[in-house]
Amino acid sequence: MSEYIIRNGHVFDPVQGIRGDKKDIAIKDGKIVDKVGSGARVIDASGKTVMAGAVEIHAHIAGPKVNLGRIYRPEDKLFSCTPTKGLERMGSGASIPTTFKTGYEYAKMGYTTAMEAAMPPLFSRHVHEEIRDTPIIDEGAFPVFGNNWFVLEYLKNQEVENTAAYIAWLLRVTKGYAVKVVNPGGTEAWAWGLNCLSVNDPVPYFDITRLKLSADSSTRTST
């Protein structure tokens, strides 16, 4: 059990109509409560703002693409670390910080949660490994489906139920939080030197468009 009390801070809570009132906030086991015991740890927030932590719903902070960026920017970690006294973990990187530094940088900005918005399903273990290594903040990840071959194949054949079952299964096995769809069919089109820039551009080989997919899905759902 852990108990804290944040004293003398200016509290903001729009839901409850609290606008900068000077209040004490009691916390027990990670939840706000009415009161805590006399042995609770006291945090003096005099002159500071106390409010709910921010949530970053779209970030790129874990997974293979982040590490690819680190490979491209070796100087980022070589020249951005300022040694300090005492025993500390590696916390370098300006444009692409380490997982350790990422957690602290988000915390400094007032964030408590950040969602990795593009998790390749085949690299989900790697993504979750980095998520577990990121301190302080909570994290989740969105598996990418916009150019998934099975999704495009099912939709080409108008197998909407199979599409839904496959997506649900992949969300479960990758421990994903939500579906990520970015430039649907566009990456597949790149192999043909093309792209999908509008809802009417067909995806090569699959011969489907974003507009048709939306219409077919709506029709199948309504019936």
C-alpha atoms as a PDB file:
ATOM      1  CA  MET A   1       0.000   0.000   0.000  1.00  0.00           C
ATOM      2  CA  SER A   2       1.207   3.486  -0.839  1.00  0.00           C
ATOM      3  CA  GLU A   3      -0.286   6.746   0.392  1.00  0.00           C
ATOM      4  CA  TYR A   4       0.512  10.306  -0.625  1.00  0.00           C
ATOM      5  CA  ILE A   5      -0.922  13.726  -0.012  1.00  0.00           C
ATOM      6  CA  ILE A   6      -0.250  16.646  -2.330  1.00  0.00           C
ATOM      7  CA  ARG A   7      -0.511  19.817  -0.245  1.00  0.00           C
ATOM      8  CA  ASN A   8      -1.028  23.502  -1.013  1.00  0.00           C
ATOM      9  CA  GLY A   9      -1.293  23.156  -4.790  1.00  0.00           C
ATOM     10  CA  HIS A  10      -3.612  25.132  -7.067  1.00  0.00           C
ATOM     11  CA  VAL A  11      -6.018  22.411  -8.243  1.00  0.00           C
ATOM     12  CA  PHE A  12      -7.775  22.467 -11.619  1.00  0.00           C
ATOM     13  CA  ASP A  13     -10.621  20.046 -12.398  1.00  0.00           C
ATOM     14  CA  PRO A  14     -13.087  21.330 -15.034  1.00  0.00           C
ATOM     15  CA  VAL A  15     -15.446  18.389 -14.454  1.00  0.00           C
ATOM     16  CA  GLN A  16     -15.974  19.389 -10.835  1.00  0.00           C
ATOM     17  CA  GLY A  17     -15.738  23.113 -11.462  1.00  0.00           C
ATOM     18  CA  ILE A  18     -12.465  23.524  -9.556  1.00  0.00           C
ATOM     19  CA  ARG A  19     -10.474  26.361 -11.094  1.00  0.00           C
ATOM     20  CA  GLY A  20      -7.214  26.925  -9.297  1.00  0.00           C
ATOM     21  CA  ASP A  21      -8.506  26.461  -5.766  1.00  0.00           C
ATOM     22  CA  LYS A  22      -5.851  25.773  -3.164  1.00  0.00           C
ATOM     23  CA  LYS A  23      -6.543  22.197  -2.067  1.00  0.00           C
ATOM     24  CA  ASP A  24      -4.895  19.056  -0.756  1.00  0.00           C
ATOM     25  CA  ILE A  25      -5.141  15.874  -2.849  1.00  0.00           C
ATOM     26  CA  ALA A  26      -4.985  12.497  -1.054  1.00  0.00           C
ATOM     27  CA  ILE A  27      -3.854   9.436  -3.019  1.00  0.00           C
ATOM     28  CA  LYS A  28      -3.970   5.786  -1.966  1.00  0.00           C
ATOM     29  CA  ASP A  29      -2.702   2.939  -4.150  1.00  0.00           C
ATOM     30  CA  GLY A  30      -2.755   5.151  -7.224  1.00  0.00           C
ATOM     31  CA  LYS A  31      -6.295   6.452  -6.711  1.00  0.00           C
ATOM     32  CA  ILE A  32      -7.581   9.774  -5.380  1.00  0.00           C
ATOM     33  CA  VAL A  33      -9.365   9.291  -2.055  1.00  0.00           C
ATOM     34  CA  ASP A  34     -10.993  11.480   0.608  1.00  0.00           C
ATOM     35  CA  LYS A  35      -8.206  11.007   3.149  1.00  0.00           C
ATOM     36  CA  VAL A  36      -5.069   9.068   3.961  1.00  0.00           C
ATOM     37  CA  GLY A  37      -3.291   8.025   7.135  1.00  0.00           C
ATOM     38  CA  SER A  38      -0.919  10.163   9.148  1.00  0.00           C
ATOM     39  CA  GLY A  39       2.049   8.263   7.720  1.00  0.00           C
ATOM     40  CA  ALA A  40       1.341   9.284   4.139  1.00  0.00           C
ATOM     41  CA  ARG A  41       4.192  10.819   2.175  1.00  0.00           C
ATOM     42  CA  VAL A  42       3.699  14.595   1.825  1.00  0.00           C
ATOM     43  CA  ILE A  43       4.441  16.353  -1.474  1.00  0.00           C
ATOM     44  CA  ASP A  44       4.592  20.140  -1.156  1.00  0.00           C
ATOM     45  CA  ALA A  45       3.035  21.718  -4.264  1.00  0.00           C
ATOM     46  CA  SER A  46       3.055  25.308  -3.023  1.00  0.00           C
ATOM     47  CA  GLY A  47       2.840  27.705  -5.953  1.00  0.00           C
ATOM     48  CA  LYS A  48       2.349  24.850  -8.419  1.00  0.00           C
ATOM     49  CA  THR A  49      -0.555  23.651 -10.550  1.00  0.00           C
ATOM     50  CA  VAL A  50      -2.118  20.279  -9.755  1.00  0.00           C
ATOM     51  CA  MET A  51      -4.293  18.722 -12.447  1.00  0.00           C
ATOM     52  CA  ALA A  52      -4.987  15.486 -14.276  1.00  0.00           C
ATOM     53  CA  GLY A  53      -2.113  14.238 -16.418  1.00  0.00           C
ATOM     54  CA  ALA A  54      -2.246  14.709 -20.188  1.00  0.00           C
ATOM     55  CA  VAL A  55      -2.818  11.770 -22.541  1.00  0.00           C
ATOM     56  CA  GLU A  56      -0.887  11.573 -25.827  1.00  0.00           C
ATOM     57  CA  ILE A  57      -3.131   9.554 -28.160  1.00  0.00           C
ATOM     58  CA  HIS A  58      -0.696   9.461 -31.107  1.00  0.00           C
ATOM     59  CA  ALA A  59       3.017   9.001 -30.500  1.00  0.00           C
ATOM     60  CA  HIS A  60       5.934   7.084 -32.019  1.00  0.00           C
ATOM     61  CA  ILE A  61       8.090   6.090 -29.074  1.00  0.00           C
ATOM     62  CA  ALA A  62       8.475   2.291 -29.206  1.00  0.00           C
ATOM     63  CA  GLY A  63       9.197  -0.375 -31.769  1.00  0.00           C
ATOM     64  CA  PRO A  64      11.369  -1.083 -34.816  1.00  0.00           C
ATOM     65  CA  LYS A  65      10.822   2.234 -36.613  1.00  0.00           C
ATOM     66  CA  VAL A  66      12.075   4.144 -33.563  1.00  0.00           C
ATOM     67  CA  ASN A  67      15.201   2.006 -33.414  1.00  0.00           C
ATOM     68  CA  LEU A  68      15.720   2.468 -37.150  1.00  0.00           C
ATOM     69  CA  GLY A  69      15.729   6.198 -36.465  1.00  0.00           C
ATOM     70  CA  ARG A  70      18.362   5.678 -33.782  1.00  0.00           C
ATOM     71  CA  ILE A  71      20.514   3.850 -36.326  1.00  0.00           C
ATOM     72  CA  TYR A  72      20.220   6.780 -38.716  1.00  0.00           C
ATOM     73  CA  ARG A  73      21.106   9.266 -35.970  1.00  0.00           C
ATOM     74  CA  PRO A  74      24.124   7.892 -34.075  1.00  0.00           C
ATOM     75  CA  GLU A  75      25.282  11.433 -33.306  1.00  0.00           C
ATOM     76  CA  ASP A  76      21.991  12.036 -31.516  1.00  0.00           C
ATOM     77  CA  LYS A  77      23.114   9.997 -28.531  1.00  0.00           C
ATOM     78  CA  LEU A  78      26.839  10.609 -28.818  1.00  0.00           C
ATOM     79  CA  PHE A  79      26.633  14.374 -28.396  1.00  0.00           C
ATOM     80  CA  SER A  80      23.459  14.951 -26.397  1.00  0.00           C
ATOM     81  CA  CYS A  81      24.258  13.260 -23.083  1.00  0.00           C
ATOM     82  CA  THR A  82      25.463  15.422 -20.200  1.00  0.00           C
ATOM     83  CA  PRO A  83      27.062  13.247 -17.478  1.00  0.00           C
ATOM     84  CA  THR A  84      25.929  13.949 -13.937  1.00  0.00           C
ATOM     85  CA  LYS A  85      27.009  12.730 -10.545  1.00  0.00           C
ATOM     86  CA  GLY A  86      25.695   9.500  -9.116  1.00  0.00           C
ATOM     87  CA  LEU A  87      24.453   6.256 -10.640  1.00  0.00           C
ATOM     88  CA  GLU A  88      22.059   6.825 -13.527  1.00  0.00           C
ATOM     89  CA  ARG A  89      20.707   4.829 -16.431  1.00  0.00           C
ATOM     90  CA  MET A  90      21.395   5.747 -20.045  1.00  0.00           C
ATOM     91  CA  GLY A  91      19.234   8.771 -20.788  1.00  0.00           C
ATOM     92  CA  SER A  92      20.606  10.290 -23.963  1.00  0.00           C
ATOM     93  CA  GLY A  93      19.051  11.236 -27.256  1.00  0.00           C
ATOM     94  CA  ALA A  94      17.497  14.548 -28.276  1.00  0.00           C
ATOM     95  CA  SER A  95      15.369  13.782 -31.333  1.00  0.00           C
ATOM     96  CA  ILE A  96      15.099  10.052 -30.556  1.00  0.00           C
ATOM     97  CA  PRO A  97      15.670   9.542 -26.820  1.00  0.00           C
ATOM     98  CA  THR A  98      16.137   6.223 -25.073  1.00  0.00           C
ATOM     99  CA  THR A  99      13.101   4.559 -23.539  1.00  0.00           C
ATOM    100  CA  PHE A 100      14.264   5.688 -20.105  1.00  0.00           C
ATOM    101  CA  LYS A 101      14.570   9.320 -21.142  1.00  0.00           C
ATOM    102  CA  THR A 102      11.272   9.161 -23.037  1.00  0.00           C
ATOM    103  CA  GLY A 103       9.361   8.369 -19.843  1.00  0.00           C
ATOM    104  CA  TYR A 104      10.956  11.226 -17.935  1.00  0.00           C
ATOM    105  CA  GLU A 105      10.547  13.747 -20.764  1.00  0.00           C
ATOM    106  CA  TYR A 106       6.821  12.995 -21.034  1.00  0.00           C
ATOM    107  CA  ALA A 107       6.460  13.228 -17.253  1.00  0.00           C
ATOM    108  CA  LYS A 108       8.171  16.647 -17.257  1.00  0.00           C
ATOM    109  CA  MET A 109       5.584  17.874 -19.762  1.00  0.00           C
ATOM    110  CA  GLY A 110       2.725  16.675 -17.561  1.00  0.00           C
ATOM    111  CA  TYR A 111       1.817  13.503 -19.425  1.00  0.00           C
ATOM    112  CA  THR A 112       0.801  10.291 -17.707  1.00  0.00           C
ATOM    113  CA  THR A 113      -0.084   8.243 -20.801  1.00  0.00           C
ATOM    114  CA  ALA A 114       1.256   7.903 -24.352  1.00  0.00           C
ATOM    115  CA  MET A 115      -0.033   5.600 -27.087  1.00  0.00           C
ATOM    116  CA  GLU A 116       2.325   4.150 -29.696  1.00  0.00           C
ATOM    117  CA  ALA A 117       0.323   4.687 -32.888  1.00  0.00           C
ATOM    118  CA  ALA A 118       1.909   2.248 -35.342  1.00  0.00           C
ATOM    119  CA  MET A 119       2.782  -1.230 -34.067  1.00  0.00           C
ATOM    120  CA  PRO A 120       3.689  -3.749 -36.801  1.00  0.00           C
ATOM    121  CA  PRO A 121       1.933  -6.970 -35.681  1.00  0.00           C
ATOM    122  CA  LEU A 122       5.015  -9.109 -36.401  1.00  0.00           C
ATOM    123  CA  PHE A 123       7.092  -6.866 -34.116  1.00  0.00           C
ATOM    124  CA  SER A 124       4.562  -6.553 -31.295  1.00  0.00           C
ATOM    125  CA  ARG A 125       6.847  -8.313 -28.792  1.00  0.00           C
ATOM    126  CA  HIS A 126       9.565  -5.775 -29.471  1.00  0.00           C
ATOM    127  CA  VAL A 127       7.113  -2.901 -29.024  1.00  0.00           C
ATOM    128  CA  HIS A 128       5.849  -4.246 -25.702  1.00  0.00           C
ATOM    129  CA  GLU A 129       9.414  -4.845 -24.529  1.00  0.00           C
ATOM    130  CA  GLU A 130      10.186  -1.155 -25.017  1.00  0.00           C
ATOM    131  CA  ILE A 131       6.866  -0.148 -23.449  1.00  0.00           C
ATOM    132  CA  ARG A 132       7.765  -2.111 -20.308  1.00  0.00           C
ATOM    133  CA  ASP A 133      11.166  -0.419 -20.242  1.00  0.00           C
ATOM    134  CA  THR A 134       9.677   3.092 -20.371  1.00  0.00           C
ATOM    135  CA  PRO A 135       9.310   4.444 -16.826  1.00  0.00           C
ATOM    136  CA  ILE A 136       6.608   6.565 -15.145  1.00  0.00           C
ATOM    137  CA  ILE A 137       4.034   6.835 -17.934  1.00  0.00           C
ATOM    138  CA  ASP A 138       1.423   4.291 -19.022  1.00  0.00           C
ATOM    139  CA  GLU A 139       1.538   3.137 -22.637  1.00  0.00           C
ATOM    140  CA  GLY A 140      -0.417   1.149 -25.187  1.00  0.00           C
ATOM    141  CA  ALA A 141      -0.057   0.402 -28.894  1.00  0.00           C
ATOM    142  CA  PHE A 142      -2.187   0.393 -32.051  1.00  0.00           C
ATOM    143  CA  PRO A 143      -1.536  -2.477 -34.516  1.00  0.00           C
ATOM    144  CA  VAL A 144      -1.350  -1.285 -38.130  1.00  0.00           C
ATOM    145  CA  PHE A 145      -4.050  -2.640 -40.470  1.00  0.00           C
ATOM    146  CA  GLY A 146      -4.228  -0.165 -43.349  1.00  0.00           C
ATOM    147  CA  ASN A 147      -2.113  -2.273 -45.727  1.00  0.00           C
ATOM    148  CA  ASN A 148      -2.477  -5.707 -44.147  1.00  0.00           C
ATOM    149  CA  TRP A 149      -2.631  -8.309 -46.929  1.00  0.00           C
ATOM    150  CA  PHE A 150      -5.256 -10.465 -45.228  1.00  0.00           C
ATOM    151  CA  VAL A 151      -7.501  -7.480 -44.564  1.00  0.00           C
ATOM    152  CA  LEU A 152      -7.275  -6.351 -48.197  1.00  0.00           C
ATOM    153  CA  GLU A 153      -7.887  -9.912 -49.444  1.00  0.00           C
ATOM    154  CA  TYR A 154     -10.947 -10.397 -47.253  1.00  0.00           C
ATOM    155  CA  LEU A 155     -12.384  -7.033 -48.288  1.00  0.00           C
ATOM    156  CA  LYS A 156     -11.692  -7.749 -51.947  1.00  0.00           C
ATOM    157  CA  ASN A 157     -13.878 -10.838 -51.571  1.00  0.00           C
ATOM    158  CA  GLN A 158     -16.446  -8.870 -49.514  1.00  0.00           C
ATOM    159  CA  GLU A 159     -15.844 -11.141 -46.514  1.00  0.00           C
ATOM    160  CA  VAL A 160     -16.642  -8.520 -43.909  1.00  0.00           C
ATOM    161  CA  GLU A 161     -17.262 -11.049 -41.110  1.00  0.00           C
ATOM    162  CA  ASN A 162     -13.876 -12.685 -41.721  1.00  0.00           C
ATOM    163  CA  THR A 163     -12.264  -9.245 -41.768  1.00  0.00           C
ATOM    164  CA  ALA A 164     -13.742  -8.432 -38.365  1.00  0.00           C
ATOM    165  CA  ALA A 165     -12.754 -11.827 -36.913  1.00  0.00           C
ATOM    166  CA  TYR A 166      -9.191 -11.513 -38.190  1.00  0.00           C
ATOM    167  CA  ILE A 167      -8.772  -7.978 -36.828  1.00  0.00           C
ATOM    168  CA  ALA A 168     -10.212  -9.025 -33.459  1.00  0.00           C
ATOM    169  CA  TRP A 169      -7.820 -11.992 -33.299  1.00  0.00           C
ATOM    170  CA  LEU A 170      -4.788  -9.868 -34.209  1.00  0.00           C
ATOM    171  CA  LEU A 171      -5.716  -7.235 -31.637  1.00  0.00           C
ATOM    172  CA  ARG A 172      -5.871  -9.954 -29.002  1.00  0.00           C
ATOM    173  CA  VAL A 173      -2.620 -11.756 -29.824  1.00  0.00           C
ATOM    174  CA  THR A 174      -0.609  -8.535 -30.213  1.00  0.00           C
ATOM    175  CA  LYS A 175      -2.184  -7.041 -27.064  1.00  0.00           C
ATOM    176  CA  GLY A 176      -3.158  -4.029 -29.140  1.00  0.00           C
ATOM    177  CA  TYR A 177      -5.364  -1.249 -27.838  1.00  0.00           C
ATOM    178  CA  ALA A 178      -7.036  -0.045 -31.038  1.00  0.00           C
ATOM    179  CA  VAL A 179      -7.013  -0.379 -34.828  1.00  0.00           C
ATOM    180  CA  LYS A 180      -4.564   1.840 -36.736  1.00  0.00           C
ATOM    181  CA  VAL A 181      -5.412   2.561 -40.373  1.00  0.00           C
ATOM    182  CA  VAL A 182      -3.054   4.866 -42.243  1.00  0.00           C
ATOM    183  CA  ASN A 183      -3.113   5.501 -46.012  1.00  0.00           C
ATOM    184  CA  PRO A 184      -5.204   2.348 -46.689  1.00  0.00           C
ATOM    185  CA  GLY A 185      -3.830   0.525 -49.724  1.00  0.00           C
ATOM    186  CA  GLY A 186      -1.212   3.193 -50.301  1.00  0.00           C
ATOM    187  CA  THR A 187       1.803   1.139 -49.274  1.00  0.00           C
ATOM    188  CA  GLU A 188       0.592  -1.759 -51.410  1.00  0.00           C
ATOM    189  CA  ALA A 189       0.322   0.652 -54.346  1.00  0.00           C
ATOM    190  CA  TRP A 190       3.895   1.853 -53.840  1.00  0.00           C
ATOM    191  CA  ALA A 191       5.151  -1.521 -55.068  1.00  0.00           C
ATOM    192  CA  TRP A 192       3.575  -0.598 -58.424  1.00  0.00           C
ATOM    193  CA  GLY A 193       4.967   2.926 -58.389  1.00  0.00           C
ATOM    194  CA  LEU A 194       1.546   4.275 -57.473  1.00  0.00           C
ATOM    195  CA  ASN A 195      -0.289   5.620 -54.422  1.00  0.00           C
ATOM    196  CA  CYS A 196      -3.817   5.983 -53.101  1.00  0.00           C
ATOM    197  CA  LEU A 197      -4.401   9.700 -52.707  1.00  0.00           C
ATOM    198  CA  SER A 198      -8.190   9.826 -52.758  1.00  0.00           C
ATOM    199  CA  VAL A 199     -11.127   7.631 -51.735  1.00  0.00           C
ATOM    200  CA  ASN A 200     -11.584   6.646 -55.388  1.00  0.00           C
ATOM    201  CA  ASP A 201      -8.036   5.429 -56.137  1.00  0.00           C
ATOM    202  CA  PRO A 202      -8.054   1.628 -56.617  1.00  0.00           C
ATOM    203  CA  VAL A 203      -5.535  -0.533 -54.779  1.00  0.00           C
ATOM    204  CA  PRO A 204      -3.547  -2.509 -57.386  1.00  0.00           C
ATOM    205  CA  TYR A 205      -4.301  -6.242 -57.573  1.00  0.00           C
ATOM    206  CA  PHE A 206      -7.083  -6.004 -54.982  1.00  0.00           C
ATOM    207  CA  ASP A 207      -9.041  -3.577 -57.190  1.00  0.00           C
ATOM    208  CA  ILE A 208     -10.830  -1.999 -54.254  1.00  0.00           C
ATOM    209  CA  THR A 209     -11.137   1.633 -53.216  1.00  0.00           C
ATOM    210  CA  ARG A 210     -11.562   3.262 -49.839  1.00  0.00           C
ATOM    211  CA  LEU A 211     -14.987   4.562 -50.858  1.00  0.00           C
ATOM    212  CA  LYS A 212     -16.183   1.130 -51.979  1.00  0.00           C
ATOM    213  CA  LEU A 213     -14.858  -0.482 -48.807  1.00  0.00           C
ATOM    214  CA  SER A 214     -16.795   1.959 -46.660  1.00  0.00           C
ATOM    215  CA  ALA A 215     -19.983   1.449 -48.661  1.00  0.00           C
ATOM    216  CA  ASP A 216     -19.700  -2.361 -48.654  1.00  0.00           C
ATOM    217  CA  SER A 217     -18.996  -2.452 -44.914  1.00  0.00           C
ATOM    218  CA  SER A 218     -21.993  -0.207 -44.166  1.00  0.00           C
ATOM    219  CA  THR A 219     -24.296  -2.297 -46.343  1.00  0.00           C
ATOM    220  CA  ARG A 220     -23.132  -5.592 -44.850  1.00  0.00           C
ATOM    221  CA  THR A 221     -23.490  -4.225 -41.328  1.00  0.00           C
ATOM    222  CA  SER A 222     -27.026  -2.930 -41.943  1.00  0.00           C
ATOM    223  CA  THR A 223     -28.222  -6.261 -43.352  1.00  0.00           C
END
